[in-house]
Amino acid sequence: MKKLILSCFLLLITCFVIKAQDREAIIKVMHNQQIAWSNGDLDGFMQGYWKSDSLMFIGKRGPTYGWQQTLDNYKKGYPDKAAMGKLTFRIDKVQLLSKTDAFLMGAWSLQREKDAPGGYFTLWFRKINGEWKIVCDHTS
């Protein structure tokens, strides 16, 4: 009986540790994106996204499909480091939905020389080949 209780306890602890590691890995993706953006590195920023034609980005103009199209749209909207500004994320919620899917909700803000736009986002993360990637981004 003691072995069963100990085994259950160890399994429970392992589940909490794995969830904490996944949560931290997701937050690290966001942190890396924030740094890349603030350095004017759109290619680095895009490393947080699933490099697939099935990536979905939903913005004020509606949905965009594909990693390359999303990058191209970012390059049009933010042609240089001055336009990009310094990015800050506020993460309000990270919810692990399964071993391979997670939901993140937060806010973004840019600090630029002449303005400070901002808004909100919801992200669907999926663990692909052992790495957490954004597969759907709804930003407003």
Protein backbone atom coordinates (compact mmCIF):
# COMPACT_ATOMS: atom_id res chain seq x y z
CA MET A 1 0.00 0.00 0.00
CA LYS A 2 2.85 2.39 0.85
CA LYS A 3 4.44 1.70 -2.53
CA LEU A 4 1.17 2.49 -4.30
CA ILE A 5 0.77 5.77 -2.42
CA LEU A 6 4.39 6.71 -3.08
CA SER A 7 4.02 5.85 -6.78
CA CYS A 8 0.89 7.97 -7.06
CA PHE A 9 2.59 10.85 -5.26
CA LEU A 10 5.64 10.67 -7.56
CA LEU A 11 3.41 10.56 -10.63
CA LEU A 12 1.50 13.61 -9.42
CA ILE A 13 4.71 15.53 -8.74
CA THR A 14 6.05 14.56 -12.18
CA CYS A 15 2.88 15.90 -13.84
CA PHE A 16 3.22 19.23 -12.03
CA VAL A 17 6.90 19.52 -12.98
CA ILE A 18 6.19 18.76 -16.64
CA LYS A 19 3.37 21.32 -16.74
CA ALA A 20 5.63 23.93 -15.12
CA GLN A 21 8.37 23.19 -17.67
CA ASP A 22 5.93 23.51 -20.57
CA ARG A 23 4.56 26.76 -19.19
CA GLU A 24 8.09 28.16 -18.82
CA ALA A 25 9.00 27.04 -22.36
CA ILE A 26 5.97 28.91 -23.74
CA ILE A 27 6.84 32.04 -21.78
CA LYS A 28 10.41 31.77 -23.11
CA VAL A 29 9.08 31.78 -26.70
CA MET A 30 7.28 35.03 -25.90
CA HIS A 31 10.38 36.49 -24.24
CA ASN A 32 12.55 35.59 -27.24
CA GLN A 33 10.01 37.20 -29.58
CA GLN A 34 9.98 40.35 -27.50
CA ILE A 35 13.79 40.62 -27.65
CA ALA A 36 13.99 39.87 -31.39
CA TRP A 37 11.28 42.43 -32.22
CA SER A 38 12.89 45.12 -30.08
CA ASN A 39 16.19 44.46 -31.89
CA GLY A 40 14.50 44.94 -35.27
CA ASP A 41 14.87 41.23 -36.08
CA LEU A 42 11.64 40.06 -37.74
CA ASP A 43 13.21 36.76 -38.83
CA GLY A 44 14.12 36.06 -35.21
CA PHE A 45 10.66 37.12 -34.06
CA MET A 46 9.09 34.65 -36.50
CA GLN A 47 10.99 31.72 -34.95
CA GLY A 48 8.19 31.54 -32.37
CA TYR A 49 5.70 30.66 -35.10
CA TRP A 50 5.04 27.30 -36.73
CA LYS A 51 6.86 27.41 -40.07
CA SER A 52 3.94 26.03 -42.06
CA ASP A 53 1.44 27.07 -44.69
CA SER A 54 -1.19 26.19 -42.07
CA LEU A 55 -0.10 28.92 -39.63
CA MET A 56 -3.03 31.28 -39.10
CA PHE A 57 -2.69 34.95 -38.14
CA ILE A 58 -5.86 36.95 -37.55
CA GLY A 59 -5.51 40.72 -37.45
CA LYS A 60 -7.62 43.75 -38.26
CA ARG A 61 -7.69 42.80 -41.97
CA GLY A 62 -8.88 39.26 -41.29
CA PRO A 63 -7.05 35.94 -41.45
CA THR A 64 -3.70 35.33 -43.11
CA TYR A 65 -2.47 31.81 -43.75
CA GLY A 66 1.13 30.71 -43.87
CA TRP A 67 4.39 31.52 -42.15
CA GLN A 68 5.90 33.32 -45.16
CA GLN A 69 2.79 35.44 -45.78
CA THR A 70 2.73 36.41 -42.10
CA LEU A 71 6.39 37.44 -42.27
CA ASP A 72 5.77 39.40 -45.49
CA ASN A 73 2.87 41.24 -43.84
CA TYR A 74 5.01 42.11 -40.83
CA LYS A 75 7.74 43.44 -43.15
CA LYS A 76 5.21 45.65 -44.97
CA GLY A 77 3.73 47.00 -41.76
CA TYR A 78 7.02 47.40 -39.92
CA PRO A 79 9.67 48.22 -42.55
CA ASP A 80 12.44 49.23 -40.14
CA LYS A 81 13.50 49.22 -36.50
CA ALA A 82 12.00 52.67 -35.87
CA ALA A 83 8.58 51.45 -37.03
CA MET A 84 8.93 48.35 -34.88
CA GLY A 85 9.87 50.17 -31.69
CA LYS A 86 10.37 48.39 -28.39
CA LEU A 87 7.89 45.58 -27.79
CA THR A 88 6.56 44.63 -24.39
CA PHE A 89 4.24 41.70 -23.71
CA ARG A 90 2.01 41.31 -20.68
CA ILE A 91 1.03 37.68 -20.26
CA ASP A 92 -2.30 37.34 -18.49
CA LYS A 93 -3.00 33.64 -18.87
CA VAL A 94 -1.22 30.47 -19.94
CA GLN A 95 -3.43 27.41 -19.93
CA LEU A 96 -2.15 23.99 -20.90
CA LEU A 97 -5.02 22.24 -22.67
CA SER A 98 -3.24 18.95 -23.30
CA LYS A 99 0.30 17.60 -23.62
CA THR A 100 0.59 19.28 -27.01
CA ASP A 101 -1.76 22.28 -26.94
CA ALA A 102 -1.84 25.49 -24.93
CA PHE A 103 -3.69 28.78 -24.89
CA LEU A 104 -2.09 32.12 -24.06
CA MET A 105 -3.78 35.47 -23.59
CA GLY A 106 -2.12 38.81 -23.07
CA ALA A 107 -1.46 42.34 -24.20
CA TRP A 108 1.21 43.98 -26.32
CA SER A 109 2.57 47.50 -26.42
CA LEU A 110 5.11 49.27 -28.57
CA GLN A 111 7.20 52.18 -27.44
CA ARG A 112 8.16 54.29 -30.43
CA GLU A 113 9.52 57.80 -30.80
CA LYS A 114 6.17 59.37 -31.73
CA ASP A 115 3.56 56.98 -30.34
CA ALA A 116 2.85 53.96 -28.17
CA PRO A 117 0.29 51.66 -29.81
CA GLY A 118 -0.92 48.51 -28.11
CA GLY A 119 -3.59 45.87 -28.03
CA TYR A 120 -4.44 42.33 -27.06
CA PHE A 121 -3.72 38.86 -28.36
CA THR A 122 -4.74 35.26 -27.95
CA LEU A 123 -2.38 32.53 -29.08
CA TRP A 124 -2.77 28.82 -29.66
CA PHE A 125 0.51 27.02 -29.04
CA ARG A 126 1.23 23.47 -30.15
CA LYS A 127 4.18 21.34 -29.16
CA ILE A 128 5.74 20.27 -32.47
CA ASN A 129 8.85 18.08 -32.54
CA GLY A 130 9.39 18.88 -28.86
CA GLU A 131 9.16 22.67 -29.30
CA TRP A 132 6.27 24.98 -28.47
CA LYS A 133 5.23 27.01 -31.54
CA ILE A 134 2.40 29.47 -32.20
CA VAL A 135 -0.02 27.87 -34.66
CA CYS A 136 -2.74 30.53 -34.46
CA ASP A 137 -2.38 34.19 -33.48
CA HIS A 138 -5.31 36.59 -33.05
CA THR A 139 -3.93 40.05 -32.42
CA SER A 140 -5.86 43.30 -32.26
